[in-house]
């Protein structure tokens, strides 16, 4: 079974098509205005229409109300939504598309605990005080491996072409998720880094 890949923080059509051509399984779009990789719902809808091909688009949300998340998910035809803030599980019960939940290892425990925040998939991210994601910092892979052994998960946080092979061998996740690790600058991907990242991931078989 091959490791899945999500290329996140995409803001333009060229990067989206490049990622898909190179074999990305998911495209991530950050619908959070404070992110340097933010995209608006209107721009995302236009971008997806301009692709002229099917893709599994994941919308990333931070502390957005359910009604707005659901509207964007339906309007844009999202494959799943990724909840990355302090949202409550009760707000997203019976959601119309799969819900992914970001989790972080903080002070010796996972936050939120998967037993209290049930999701179709978890995104195991690194913990940096005051930041919700996109830190470019690698997390605790040893603890991540224990988590992934029990829950379907995407490994995130500081993954680059240089360290992704090692990360996969240690953690053995369902998939990997990168944004800053394959960029020229926030919101613009580096084709060379994308190519190497995808090639290295696809070479790892679980």
Protein backbone atom coordinates (compact mmCIF):
# COMPACT_ATOMS: atom_id res chain seq x y z
CA UNK A 1 0.00 0.00 0.00
CA UNK A 2 1.45 3.35 -1.03
CA UNK A 3 1.59 6.36 1.25
CA UNK A 4 -0.89 9.08 0.29
CA UNK A 5 0.21 12.66 -0.26
CA UNK A 6 -1.53 15.93 0.49
CA UNK A 7 0.05 19.10 -0.87
CA UNK A 8 -1.35 21.91 1.24
CA UNK A 9 -1.41 25.68 1.08
CA UNK A 10 -2.13 25.81 -2.64
CA UNK A 11 -3.27 29.22 -3.87
CA UNK A 12 -3.11 29.03 -7.67
CA UNK A 13 -4.02 26.86 -10.65
CA UNK A 14 -0.47 26.17 -11.85
CA UNK A 15 0.60 24.73 -8.51
CA UNK A 16 -2.55 22.67 -8.25
CA UNK A 17 -2.06 21.13 -11.70
CA UNK A 18 1.63 20.53 -11.04
CA UNK A 19 0.89 18.69 -7.80
CA UNK A 20 -1.75 16.56 -9.48
CA UNK A 21 0.48 15.77 -12.45
CA UNK A 22 3.22 14.62 -10.10
CA UNK A 23 0.86 12.28 -8.28
CA UNK A 24 -0.56 14.12 -5.27
CA UNK A 25 -3.63 12.40 -3.85
CA UNK A 26 -5.08 15.48 -2.17
CA UNK A 27 -4.84 19.24 -2.61
CA UNK A 28 -5.14 21.35 0.52
CA UNK A 29 -6.55 24.88 0.56
CA UNK A 30 -6.30 27.08 3.64
CA UNK A 31 -9.51 29.01 4.24
CA UNK A 32 -8.10 31.00 7.14
CA UNK A 33 -7.48 34.70 6.51
CA UNK A 34 -4.53 34.98 8.91
CA UNK A 35 -2.49 32.35 7.07
CA UNK A 36 0.16 33.47 4.54
CA UNK A 37 -1.28 30.73 2.32
CA UNK A 38 -4.90 31.82 2.67
CA UNK A 39 -7.39 31.56 -0.16
CA UNK A 40 -10.96 32.86 -0.13
CA UNK A 41 -13.93 30.63 -0.78
CA UNK A 42 -14.71 32.57 -3.96
CA UNK A 43 -11.17 32.20 -5.28
CA UNK A 44 -11.14 28.51 -4.37
CA UNK A 45 -14.35 27.88 -6.27
CA UNK A 46 -12.94 29.58 -9.36
CA UNK A 47 -9.64 27.72 -9.06
CA UNK A 48 -11.31 24.31 -8.82
CA UNK A 49 -13.55 25.12 -11.80
CA UNK A 50 -10.46 26.11 -13.79
CA UNK A 51 -8.70 22.78 -13.20
CA UNK A 52 -10.94 20.96 -15.66
CA UNK A 53 -10.23 17.71 -13.85
CA UNK A 54 -11.36 15.96 -10.73
CA UNK A 55 -9.33 16.30 -7.58
CA UNK A 56 -9.75 15.56 -3.90
CA UNK A 57 -9.79 19.06 -2.44
CA UNK A 58 -9.41 19.45 1.31
CA UNK A 59 -10.50 22.71 2.89
CA UNK A 60 -8.52 23.71 5.98
CA UNK A 61 -10.45 25.76 8.55
CA UNK A 62 -9.46 27.43 11.83
CA UNK A 63 -12.16 28.38 14.34
CA UNK A 64 -14.81 28.84 11.66
CA UNK A 65 -18.46 28.20 12.49
CA UNK A 66 -20.02 25.00 11.20
CA UNK A 67 -22.53 26.78 8.98
CA UNK A 68 -19.80 28.57 7.04
CA UNK A 69 -17.61 25.47 6.79
CA UNK A 70 -20.55 23.45 5.50
CA UNK A 71 -21.52 26.11 2.95
CA UNK A 72 -17.99 26.24 1.53
CA UNK A 73 -17.70 22.45 1.52
CA UNK A 74 -20.91 22.09 -0.47
CA UNK A 75 -20.40 25.08 -2.77
CA UNK A 76 -16.83 24.05 -3.66
CA UNK A 77 -17.46 20.31 -3.76
CA UNK A 78 -14.78 19.57 -1.16
CA UNK A 79 -13.71 15.97 -0.62
CA UNK A 80 -13.22 16.64 3.11
CA UNK A 81 -12.76 19.45 5.60
CA UNK A 82 -9.78 19.70 7.94
CA UNK A 83 -10.54 21.26 11.30
CA UNK A 84 -7.45 22.90 12.72
CA UNK A 85 -8.49 25.17 15.57
CA UNK A 86 -10.30 24.95 18.90
CA UNK A 87 -13.61 23.74 17.48
CA UNK A 88 -15.77 21.33 19.46
CA UNK A 89 -16.57 17.85 18.18
CA UNK A 90 -20.26 18.44 18.87
CA UNK A 91 -20.30 21.20 16.25
CA UNK A 92 -19.36 18.81 13.45
CA UNK A 93 -21.49 15.73 14.09
CA UNK A 94 -23.25 14.41 10.95
CA UNK A 95 -21.26 16.66 8.64
CA UNK A 96 -22.03 16.13 4.90
CA UNK A 97 -18.40 15.33 3.95
CA UNK A 98 -15.62 13.54 5.87
CA UNK A 99 -14.06 15.55 8.68
CA UNK A 100 -10.30 15.46 9.27
CA UNK A 101 -9.03 16.74 12.61
CA UNK A 102 -5.61 18.21 13.36
CA UNK A 103 -4.04 16.92 16.57
CA UNK A 104 -0.86 17.93 18.39
CA UNK A 105 1.22 16.33 21.12
CA UNK A 106 1.29 18.89 23.94
CA UNK A 107 2.57 18.42 27.48
CA UNK A 108 2.62 14.65 27.18
CA UNK A 109 -0.84 14.21 25.68
CA UNK A 110 -2.66 14.50 22.37
CA UNK A 111 -4.82 17.57 21.93
CA UNK A 112 -7.62 17.04 21.26
CA UNK A 113 -7.88 13.43 22.38
CA UNK A 114 -9.22 11.31 19.51
CA UNK A 115 -11.61 9.58 21.91
CA UNK A 116 -13.29 12.95 22.44
CA UNK A 117 -12.94 14.30 18.90
CA UNK A 118 -13.86 11.51 16.49
CA UNK A 119 -12.86 12.06 12.87
CA UNK A 120 -12.56 10.17 9.62
CA UNK A 121 -8.85 10.94 9.64
CA UNK A 122 -6.40 12.82 11.83
CA UNK A 123 -3.64 15.21 10.78
CA UNK A 124 -0.74 14.76 13.21
CA UNK A 125 0.88 18.18 13.35
CA UNK A 126 3.72 19.73 15.33
CA UNK A 127 3.00 21.99 18.28
CA UNK A 128 4.25 25.57 18.22
CA UNK A 129 2.77 28.00 20.79
CA UNK A 130 0.50 30.59 19.24
CA UNK A 131 0.31 28.86 15.85
CA UNK A 132 -2.40 26.62 14.40
CA UNK A 133 -0.27 25.09 11.66
CA UNK A 134 2.07 25.81 8.78
CA UNK A 135 4.98 26.05 11.20
CA UNK A 136 7.58 24.25 9.13
CA UNK A 137 8.69 22.54 12.34
CA UNK A 138 8.91 18.75 12.61
CA UNK A 139 6.95 17.12 15.40
CA UNK A 140 7.65 14.22 17.76
CA UNK A 141 7.82 11.29 15.34
CA UNK A 142 8.14 8.70 18.11
CA UNK A 143 4.86 9.78 19.69
CA UNK A 144 3.32 10.19 16.24
CA UNK A 145 4.11 6.55 15.46
CA UNK A 146 2.18 5.44 18.55
CA UNK A 147 -0.79 7.58 17.55
CA UNK A 148 -0.78 6.45 13.93
CA UNK A 149 -0.76 2.82 15.04
CA UNK A 150 -4.24 3.36 16.48
CA UNK A 151 -5.80 5.97 14.19
CA UNK A 152 -5.85 6.64 10.42
CA UNK A 153 -3.58 9.66 10.09
CA UNK A 154 -1.73 12.06 7.85
CA UNK A 155 1.67 13.07 9.21
CA UNK A 156 2.27 16.81 8.98
CA UNK A 157 4.67 19.39 10.36
CA UNK A 158 8.00 20.30 8.82
CA UNK A 159 8.08 17.57 6.17
CA UNK A 160 10.53 18.23 3.33
CA UNK A 161 12.09 16.29 0.46
CA UNK A 162 15.10 15.76 2.75
CA UNK A 163 13.29 14.17 5.70
CA UNK A 164 10.07 12.65 4.40
CA UNK A 165 11.51 9.19 3.72
CA UNK A 166 12.82 8.91 7.27
CA UNK A 167 9.54 10.23 8.67
CA UNK A 168 7.54 7.59 6.80
CA UNK A 169 9.81 4.76 7.98
CA UNK A 170 9.54 5.86 11.61
CA UNK A 171 5.86 6.84 11.78
CA UNK A 172 4.28 4.65 9.06
CA UNK A 173 1.31 6.98 8.48
CA UNK A 174 -1.60 6.60 6.10
CA UNK A 175 -0.29 9.67 4.32
CA UNK A 176 1.91 12.74 4.57
CA UNK A 177 1.00 16.41 4.37
CA UNK A 178 3.33 19.25 3.42
CA UNK A 179 3.06 22.95 2.64
CA UNK A 180 6.12 25.03 3.47
CA UNK A 181 8.46 22.12 2.76
CA UNK A 182 7.83 22.37 -0.98
CA UNK A 183 7.57 26.14 -1.40
CA UNK A 184 9.54 28.92 -3.02
CA UNK A 185 7.69 31.28 -0.69
CA UNK A 186 4.38 31.11 1.21
CA UNK A 187 1.62 30.34 -1.28
CA UNK A 188 3.93 29.49 -4.20
CA UNK A 189 5.25 25.97 -4.73
CA UNK A 190 8.71 24.95 -5.94
CA UNK A 191 8.33 22.50 -8.82
CA UNK A 192 11.67 20.84 -8.14
CA UNK A 193 10.88 20.29 -4.46
CA UNK A 194 7.42 19.00 -5.32
CA UNK A 195 8.85 16.49 -7.76
CA UNK A 196 11.46 15.17 -5.33
CA UNK A 197 8.97 15.03 -2.44
CA UNK A 198 6.39 13.07 -4.43
CA UNK A 199 9.01 10.71 -5.84
CA UNK A 200 10.44 9.92 -2.42
CA UNK A 201 7.02 9.35 -0.88
CA UNK A 202 5.83 7.08 -3.67
CA UNK A 203 9.01 5.02 -3.28
CA UNK A 204 8.01 4.16 0.29
CA UNK A 205 5.63 1.23 0.47
CA UNK A 206 3.88 0.26 3.70
